[in-house]
């Protein structure tokens, strides 16, 4: 739970700087000696505003974590990072990628065509719940819910859960000091 809140906080800090990371993935999440999570590798980061002319257009990032809008070659904004965060949390919980395929074309199809109510959405939900129940029955359902197709992995960017929404979902599960330290800025914003 603490690591999930630290990831939310780190991505929130990036977005507060009017930046988009554009390559959120497990290999860019680092664990410090004192067991804190850090988000790194800003080589693909880009400063953005909310103005439509400044949306991201280039295809960059790691395909397994690219949002549907990126895969389709559409303009994208910070919500693409939120999608990637959902993929990372899914992988953290299940030790499996949210979307896996043997080719880019198959991966693109899975990412862009698998809706929240589609077979892939149910398969992801089932895999997540089975993995969590088998390995760690105490995993809070709120954390599992963040990785569902109607939350961080919503296929429509404008309907995707925001970082603030995710912080609100996790906040009741954290000790007050931890909540204030990691999610305070997101909850206040």
Protein backbone atom coordinates (compact mmCIF):
# COMPACT_ATOMS: atom_id res chain seq x y z
CA UNK A 1 0.00 0.00 0.00
CA UNK A 2 2.81 2.37 0.92
CA UNK A 3 4.61 1.81 -2.38
CA UNK A 4 1.42 2.43 -4.37
CA UNK A 5 0.88 5.72 -2.53
CA UNK A 6 4.51 6.71 -3.10
CA UNK A 7 4.15 6.01 -6.83
CA UNK A 8 0.99 8.13 -6.96
CA UNK A 9 2.79 10.90 -5.13
CA UNK A 10 5.85 10.74 -7.40
CA UNK A 11 3.77 10.90 -10.56
CA UNK A 12 1.68 13.68 -9.05
CA UNK A 13 4.86 15.67 -8.39
CA UNK A 14 5.93 15.19 -12.02
CA UNK A 15 2.54 16.37 -13.26
CA UNK A 16 2.57 19.32 -10.84
CA UNK A 17 5.70 20.47 -12.67
CA UNK A 18 3.60 20.44 -15.86
CA UNK A 19 5.63 17.50 -17.10
CA UNK A 20 4.65 14.16 -18.51
CA UNK A 21 6.98 11.23 -17.78
CA UNK A 22 6.02 9.20 -20.90
CA UNK A 23 7.85 6.04 -19.78
CA UNK A 24 6.34 4.93 -16.47
CA UNK A 25 7.22 1.25 -16.13
CA UNK A 26 8.65 -1.08 -13.47
CA UNK A 27 12.22 -0.59 -14.72
CA UNK A 28 11.90 3.13 -13.97
CA UNK A 29 10.66 2.60 -10.42
CA UNK A 30 13.50 2.41 -7.92
CA UNK A 31 13.57 1.17 -4.34
CA UNK A 32 15.90 3.03 -1.99
CA UNK A 33 17.87 1.45 0.85
CA UNK A 34 15.25 2.70 3.31
CA UNK A 35 12.46 1.07 1.24
CA UNK A 36 11.06 4.19 -0.40
CA UNK A 37 9.92 4.26 -4.01
CA UNK A 38 11.43 6.73 -6.47
CA UNK A 39 10.34 7.33 -10.06
CA UNK A 40 13.30 7.82 -12.37
CA UNK A 41 14.57 7.95 -15.96
CA UNK A 42 13.15 11.18 -17.30
CA UNK A 43 14.80 10.80 -20.69
CA UNK A 44 11.43 10.86 -22.49
CA UNK A 45 9.77 13.42 -20.21
CA UNK A 46 8.19 16.43 -21.80
CA UNK A 47 6.85 19.68 -20.49
CA UNK A 48 3.18 20.05 -21.35
CA UNK A 49 0.31 22.36 -20.72
CA UNK A 50 -3.37 21.66 -20.96
CA UNK A 51 -3.58 23.54 -24.25
CA UNK A 52 -4.57 21.18 -27.09
CA UNK A 53 -1.68 22.33 -29.25
CA UNK A 54 0.77 21.05 -26.62
CA UNK A 55 -0.47 17.49 -26.33
CA UNK A 56 2.01 14.70 -26.91
CA UNK A 57 1.98 13.33 -30.42
CA UNK A 58 5.13 11.27 -30.73
CA UNK A 59 5.00 7.53 -30.18
CA UNK A 60 7.41 6.94 -27.33
CA UNK A 61 7.62 4.84 -24.23
CA UNK A 62 7.60 1.12 -23.65
CA UNK A 63 4.81 -0.58 -25.61
CA UNK A 64 3.52 -2.73 -22.71
CA UNK A 65 2.72 0.44 -20.76
CA UNK A 66 1.48 2.68 -23.59
CA UNK A 67 -2.07 3.95 -23.32
CA UNK A 68 -4.71 3.24 -25.98
CA UNK A 69 -4.46 6.81 -27.27
CA UNK A 70 -0.68 6.48 -27.69
CA UNK A 71 -0.98 3.14 -29.46
CA UNK A 72 -3.60 4.59 -31.84
CA UNK A 73 -1.26 7.50 -32.65
CA UNK A 74 -3.64 10.08 -31.16
CA UNK A 75 -2.72 13.14 -29.15
CA UNK A 76 -2.22 12.31 -25.48
CA UNK A 77 -1.64 14.07 -22.20
CA UNK A 78 -0.90 13.23 -18.57
CA UNK A 79 -3.65 10.59 -18.50
CA UNK A 80 -1.32 8.39 -20.58
CA UNK A 81 1.04 8.36 -17.58
CA UNK A 82 -1.92 7.42 -15.37
CA UNK A 83 -2.64 4.44 -17.65
CA UNK A 84 1.00 3.35 -17.36
CA UNK A 85 0.77 3.66 -13.58
CA UNK A 86 -2.24 1.34 -13.65
CA UNK A 87 -0.21 -1.16 -15.66
CA UNK A 88 2.67 -0.92 -13.17
CA UNK A 89 0.37 -1.43 -10.18
CA UNK A 90 -1.24 -4.39 -11.92
CA UNK A 91 2.20 -5.91 -12.47
CA UNK A 92 3.25 -5.16 -8.89
CA UNK A 93 0.22 -7.04 -7.60
CA UNK A 94 0.13 -9.97 -10.00
CA UNK A 95 3.74 -10.25 -11.22
CA UNK A 96 2.28 -10.37 -14.74
CA UNK A 97 1.91 -7.64 -17.33
CA UNK A 98 -1.55 -6.17 -17.72
CA UNK A 99 -1.23 -6.71 -21.48
CA UNK A 100 1.07 -9.36 -22.90
CA UNK A 101 1.50 -10.50 -26.49
CA UNK A 102 4.08 -12.02 -28.81
CA UNK A 103 4.04 -9.15 -31.30
CA UNK A 104 3.50 -5.43 -31.28
CA UNK A 105 0.41 -5.75 -33.50
CA UNK A 106 -1.19 -8.21 -31.07
CA UNK A 107 -0.23 -6.02 -28.11
CA UNK A 108 -1.71 -2.96 -29.83
CA UNK A 109 -4.93 -4.86 -30.48
CA UNK A 110 -5.17 -5.95 -26.84
CA UNK A 111 -4.56 -2.43 -25.56
CA UNK A 112 -6.89 -0.65 -27.97
CA UNK A 113 -9.72 -3.14 -28.39
CA UNK A 114 -10.09 -4.65 -24.94
CA UNK A 115 -12.78 -2.59 -23.25
CA UNK A 116 -13.78 -2.63 -19.62
CA UNK A 117 -16.59 -5.09 -20.36
CA UNK A 118 -14.70 -7.13 -22.94
CA UNK A 119 -13.24 -10.57 -22.43
CA UNK A 120 -9.78 -9.11 -21.82
CA UNK A 121 -11.14 -6.87 -19.08
CA UNK A 122 -12.69 -9.84 -17.29
CA UNK A 123 -9.55 -11.92 -17.80
CA UNK A 124 -7.36 -9.19 -16.26
CA UNK A 125 -9.76 -8.78 -13.33
CA UNK A 126 -9.91 -12.53 -12.73
CA UNK A 127 -6.14 -12.94 -12.97
CA UNK A 128 -5.59 -10.07 -10.56
CA UNK A 129 -8.06 -11.33 -8.01
CA UNK A 130 -6.76 -14.90 -8.20
CA UNK A 131 -3.15 -13.78 -7.82
CA UNK A 132 -3.92 -11.46 -4.94
CA UNK A 133 -6.06 -14.02 -3.12
CA UNK A 134 -3.49 -16.76 -3.58
CA UNK A 135 -0.39 -14.82 -2.66
CA UNK A 136 -1.63 -12.17 -0.27
CA UNK A 137 -5.23 -12.34 0.99
CA UNK A 138 -4.71 -9.09 2.89
CA UNK A 139 -4.26 -6.97 -0.26
CA UNK A 140 -6.88 -4.23 0.11
CA UNK A 141 -9.67 -4.33 -2.44
CA UNK A 142 -9.19 -0.57 -2.99
CA UNK A 143 -5.73 -1.24 -4.39
CA UNK A 144 -7.05 -4.00 -6.62
CA UNK A 145 -9.85 -1.70 -7.79
CA UNK A 146 -7.34 0.89 -9.01
CA UNK A 147 -6.10 -1.52 -11.66
CA UNK A 148 -9.54 -2.32 -13.04
CA UNK A 149 -10.66 -1.23 -16.50
CA UNK A 150 -13.05 1.33 -15.00
CA UNK A 151 -10.29 3.08 -13.02
CA UNK A 152 -6.64 3.69 -13.96
CA UNK A 153 -6.96 1.34 -16.94
CA UNK A 154 -10.05 2.94 -18.45
CA UNK A 155 -9.68 2.92 -22.23
CA UNK A 156 -11.04 6.43 -22.64
CA UNK A 157 -8.52 8.98 -21.38
CA UNK A 158 -11.17 11.50 -20.34
CA UNK A 159 -12.92 8.85 -18.21
CA UNK A 160 -9.73 7.43 -16.70
CA UNK A 161 -9.41 7.84 -12.95
CA UNK A 162 -7.27 10.81 -11.99
CA UNK A 163 -4.32 10.66 -9.63
CA UNK A 164 -6.41 12.53 -7.10
CA UNK A 165 -9.18 9.94 -7.41
CA UNK A 166 -6.65 7.17 -6.86
CA UNK A 167 -5.24 9.01 -3.83
CA UNK A 168 -8.75 9.36 -2.39
CA UNK A 169 -9.27 5.61 -2.81
CA UNK A 170 -6.02 4.74 -1.00
CA UNK A 171 -6.08 7.43 1.69
CA UNK A 172 -8.38 5.63 4.16
CA UNK A 173 -6.08 2.59 4.11
CA UNK A 174 -2.95 4.48 5.22
CA UNK A 175 -1.87 5.64 8.64
CA UNK A 176 -2.47 9.41 8.93
CA UNK A 177 1.25 10.30 8.95
CA UNK A 178 1.92 8.15 5.86
CA UNK A 179 -1.18 9.49 4.13
CA UNK A 180 -0.19 13.10 4.75
CA UNK A 181 3.44 12.51 3.74
CA UNK A 182 2.72 10.72 0.47
CA UNK A 183 -0.74 11.80 -0.65
CA UNK A 184 -1.16 15.19 1.02
CA UNK A 185 -0.46 17.25 -2.12
CA UNK A 186 -2.70 15.11 -4.32
CA UNK A 187 -5.56 15.21 -1.83
CA UNK A 188 -5.24 18.96 -1.34
CA UNK A 189 -5.14 19.67 -5.09
